Amino acid sequence: MADKKFEKQIPNNVVSLESSKCCGEGCKKKSEKAGFCAEHFDWFKAGLITKEGMKAPDFDKKHYYYVASKKAA
């Protein structure tokens, strides 16, 4: 009897990563990884945007170095 009680419980600490749109600011592309499209996921990894999709406080400086590193590669 006790086993049936625990079978139907859904954990409340599970976060769904399946959102339909990228959470990047103003982006309308389909999300691919962790709620971002491919381009914004790279930006997130580089620290250009936060996990909520907003620009970082020092976005301009980081974007300058991000573009320079992409040109060098």
N, C-alpha and C. Protein backbone atom coordinates (compact mmCIF):
# COMPACT_ATOMS: atom_id res chain seq x y z
N MET A 1 0.81 -1.20 0.00
CA MET A 1 0.00 0.00 0.00
C MET A 1 0.86 1.26 0.00
N ALA A 2 1.92 1.27 0.77
CA ALA A 2 2.77 2.46 0.88
C ALA A 2 3.47 2.76 -0.44
N ASP A 3 3.75 1.74 -1.25
CA ASP A 3 4.44 1.95 -2.51
C ASP A 3 3.60 2.78 -3.48
N LYS A 4 2.30 2.59 -3.50
CA LYS A 4 1.43 3.33 -4.42
C LYS A 4 1.40 4.81 -4.05
N LYS A 5 1.57 5.13 -2.79
CA LYS A 5 1.53 6.52 -2.34
C LYS A 5 2.70 7.30 -2.95
N PHE A 6 3.86 6.68 -3.03
CA PHE A 6 5.04 7.37 -3.54
C PHE A 6 5.18 7.32 -5.05
N GLU A 7 4.47 6.44 -5.72
CA GLU A 7 4.56 6.32 -7.17
C GLU A 7 4.05 7.56 -7.91
N LYS A 8 3.04 8.21 -7.40
CA LYS A 8 2.41 9.31 -8.11
C LYS A 8 2.96 10.68 -7.74
N GLN A 9 3.91 10.74 -6.82
CA GLN A 9 4.48 12.03 -6.45
C GLN A 9 5.45 12.50 -7.52
N ILE A 10 5.35 13.76 -7.87
CA ILE A 10 6.23 14.37 -8.86
C ILE A 10 7.19 15.29 -8.11
N PRO A 11 8.48 15.15 -8.35
CA PRO A 11 9.42 16.02 -7.64
C PRO A 11 9.24 17.47 -8.06
N ASN A 12 9.35 18.38 -7.10
CA ASN A 12 9.14 19.79 -7.38
C ASN A 12 10.44 20.54 -7.67
N ASN A 13 11.57 19.85 -7.66
CA ASN A 13 12.84 20.51 -7.93
C ASN A 13 13.34 20.27 -9.35
N VAL A 14 12.51 19.75 -10.22
CA VAL A 14 12.87 19.48 -11.60
C VAL A 14 12.54 20.70 -12.45
N VAL A 15 13.53 21.17 -13.24
CA VAL A 15 13.34 22.33 -14.10
C VAL A 15 13.24 21.85 -15.54
N SER A 16 12.21 22.25 -16.22
CA SER A 16 12.03 21.87 -17.61
C SER A 16 12.89 22.76 -18.50
N LEU A 17 13.69 22.16 -19.37
CA LEU A 17 14.52 22.91 -20.30
C LEU A 17 13.89 23.01 -21.67
N GLU A 18 12.67 22.58 -21.81
CA GLU A 18 11.99 22.57 -23.10
C GLU A 18 11.09 23.79 -23.25
N SER A 19 11.68 24.92 -23.57
CA SER A 19 10.87 26.08 -23.90
C SER A 19 10.91 26.25 -25.41
N SER A 20 9.91 26.85 -25.97
CA SER A 20 9.82 26.91 -27.42
C SER A 20 10.69 27.99 -28.02
N LYS A 21 10.92 29.08 -27.32
CA LYS A 21 11.71 30.18 -27.86
C LYS A 21 12.98 30.39 -27.06
N CYS A 22 13.96 30.97 -27.72
CA CYS A 22 15.20 31.34 -27.06
C CYS A 22 14.89 32.44 -26.04
N CYS A 23 15.54 32.37 -24.88
CA CYS A 23 15.26 33.39 -23.86
C CYS A 23 16.20 34.58 -23.99
N GLY A 24 16.97 34.64 -25.07
CA GLY A 24 17.82 35.79 -25.34
C GLY A 24 16.95 37.01 -25.61
N GLU A 25 17.45 38.16 -25.23
CA GLU A 25 16.69 39.40 -25.33
C GLU A 25 16.29 39.70 -26.78
N GLY A 26 15.00 39.64 -27.09
CA GLY A 26 14.48 39.95 -28.41
C GLY A 26 14.63 38.85 -29.45
N CYS A 27 15.08 37.68 -29.06
CA CYS A 27 15.30 36.58 -30.01
C CYS A 27 14.01 35.77 -30.17
N LYS A 28 13.72 35.37 -31.41
CA LYS A 28 12.51 34.60 -31.67
C LYS A 28 12.82 33.22 -32.24
N LYS A 29 14.11 32.83 -32.20
CA LYS A 29 14.50 31.52 -32.72
C LYS A 29 14.10 30.43 -31.73
N LYS A 30 14.10 29.21 -32.21
CA LYS A 30 13.78 28.06 -31.38
C LYS A 30 14.97 27.75 -30.46
N SER A 31 14.69 27.42 -29.22
CA SER A 31 15.76 27.12 -28.29
C SER A 31 16.33 25.73 -28.58
N GLU A 32 17.64 25.59 -28.39
CA GLU A 32 18.32 24.33 -28.64
C GLU A 32 18.98 23.78 -27.38
N LYS A 33 19.71 24.63 -26.66
CA LYS A 33 20.42 24.20 -25.46
C LYS A 33 20.08 25.14 -24.30
N ALA A 34 19.63 24.57 -23.21
CA ALA A 34 19.39 25.31 -21.96
C ALA A 34 18.56 26.57 -22.16
N GLY A 35 17.63 26.56 -23.10
CA GLY A 35 16.74 27.69 -23.31
C GLY A 35 17.27 28.75 -24.26
N PHE A 36 18.42 28.51 -24.90
CA PHE A 36 19.01 29.46 -25.83
C PHE A 36 19.12 28.85 -27.22
N CYS A 37 19.12 29.71 -28.24
CA CYS A 37 19.46 29.26 -29.59
C CYS A 37 20.98 29.07 -29.62
N ALA A 38 21.51 28.56 -30.72
CA ALA A 38 22.95 28.26 -30.80
C ALA A 38 23.81 29.51 -30.58
N GLU A 39 23.44 30.62 -31.22
CA GLU A 39 24.23 31.85 -31.10
C GLU A 39 24.21 32.39 -29.67
N HIS A 40 23.02 32.46 -29.07
CA HIS A 40 22.93 33.00 -27.71
C HIS A 40 23.51 32.04 -26.67
N PHE A 41 23.54 30.75 -26.96
CA PHE A 41 24.20 29.82 -26.05
C PHE A 41 25.70 30.09 -26.02
N ASP A 42 26.29 30.39 -27.18
CA ASP A 42 27.70 30.78 -27.22
C ASP A 42 27.93 32.07 -26.45
N TRP A 43 27.02 33.01 -26.59
CA TRP A 43 27.12 34.26 -25.84
C TRP A 43 27.04 33.99 -24.34
N PHE A 44 26.14 33.09 -23.94
CA PHE A 44 25.98 32.75 -22.52
C PHE A 44 27.27 32.13 -21.98
N LYS A 45 27.87 31.23 -22.76
CA LYS A 45 29.12 30.60 -22.34
C LYS A 45 30.25 31.63 -22.21
N ALA A 46 30.24 32.65 -23.06
CA ALA A 46 31.27 33.69 -23.04
C ALA A 46 31.00 34.75 -21.97
N GLY A 47 29.84 34.71 -21.33
CA GLY A 47 29.51 35.67 -20.28
C GLY A 47 28.88 36.95 -20.79
N LEU A 48 28.45 36.97 -22.05
CA LEU A 48 27.84 38.17 -22.61
C LEU A 48 26.42 38.39 -22.11
N ILE A 49 25.69 37.30 -21.86
CA ILE A 49 24.33 37.40 -21.35
C ILE A 49 24.17 36.52 -20.12
N THR A 50 23.18 36.85 -19.31
CA THR A 50 22.90 36.09 -18.10
C THR A 50 22.01 34.90 -18.43
N LYS A 51 21.76 34.06 -17.45
CA LYS A 51 20.92 32.89 -17.70
C LYS A 51 19.47 33.27 -17.95
N GLU A 52 19.08 34.50 -17.61
CA GLU A 52 17.73 34.98 -17.91
C GLU A 52 17.64 35.57 -19.32
N GLY A 53 18.79 35.74 -20.00
CA GLY A 53 18.81 36.26 -21.35
C GLY A 53 19.08 37.75 -21.45
N MET A 54 19.36 38.40 -20.33
CA MET A 54 19.64 39.84 -20.32
C MET A 54 21.13 40.06 -20.54
N LYS A 55 21.48 41.22 -21.10
CA LYS A 55 22.88 41.55 -21.33
C LYS A 55 23.61 41.74 -20.01
N ALA A 56 24.87 41.32 -19.98
CA ALA A 56 25.71 41.50 -18.80
C ALA A 56 26.01 42.99 -18.61
N PRO A 57 26.31 43.40 -17.37
CA PRO A 57 26.60 44.82 -17.13
C PRO A 57 27.78 45.35 -17.96
N ASP A 58 28.78 44.53 -18.22
CA ASP A 58 29.94 44.94 -19.01
C ASP A 58 29.89 44.32 -20.41
N PHE A 59 28.71 44.32 -20.99
CA PHE A 59 28.48 43.68 -22.29
C PHE A 59 29.38 44.24 -23.38
N ASP A 60 29.51 45.54 -23.47
CA ASP A 60 30.27 46.16 -24.56
C ASP A 60 31.73 45.69 -24.56
N LYS A 61 32.34 45.69 -23.40
CA LYS A 61 33.74 45.26 -23.30
C LYS A 61 33.89 43.78 -23.66
N LYS A 62 33.00 42.95 -23.12
CA LYS A 62 33.06 41.52 -23.39
C LYS A 62 32.76 41.22 -24.85
N HIS A 63 31.82 41.95 -25.45
CA HIS A 63 31.46 41.73 -26.85
C HIS A 63 32.64 42.08 -27.76
N TYR A 64 33.37 43.14 -27.44
CA TYR A 64 34.54 43.54 -28.21
C TYR A 64 35.56 42.40 -28.25
N TYR A 65 35.86 41.81 -27.09
CA TYR A 65 36.83 40.72 -27.03
C TYR A 65 36.28 39.43 -27.63
N TYR A 66 34.98 39.22 -27.54
CA TYR A 66 34.34 38.05 -28.13
C TYR A 66 34.46 38.09 -29.65
N VAL A 67 34.19 39.24 -30.24
CA VAL A 67 34.27 39.41 -31.71
C VAL A 67 35.73 39.27 -32.15
N ALA A 68 36.65 39.85 -31.39
CA ALA A 68 38.08 39.75 -31.74
C ALA A 68 38.55 38.31 -31.69
N SER A 69 38.08 37.54 -30.71
CA SER A 69 38.51 36.14 -30.61
C SER A 69 37.89 35.29 -31.73
N LYS A 70 36.69 35.63 -32.17
CA LYS A 70 36.05 34.91 -33.27
C LYS A 70 36.79 35.18 -34.59
N LYS A 71 37.26 36.43 -34.78
CA LYS A 71 38.00 36.76 -36.01
C LYS A 71 39.35 36.06 -36.05
N ALA A 72 39.98 35.91 -34.89
CA ALA A 72 41.29 35.29 -34.81
C ALA A 72 41.22 33.78 -35.06
N ALA A 73 40.09 33.18 -34.74
CA ALA A 73 39.96 31.73 -34.89
C ALA A 73 39.59 31.28 -36.26
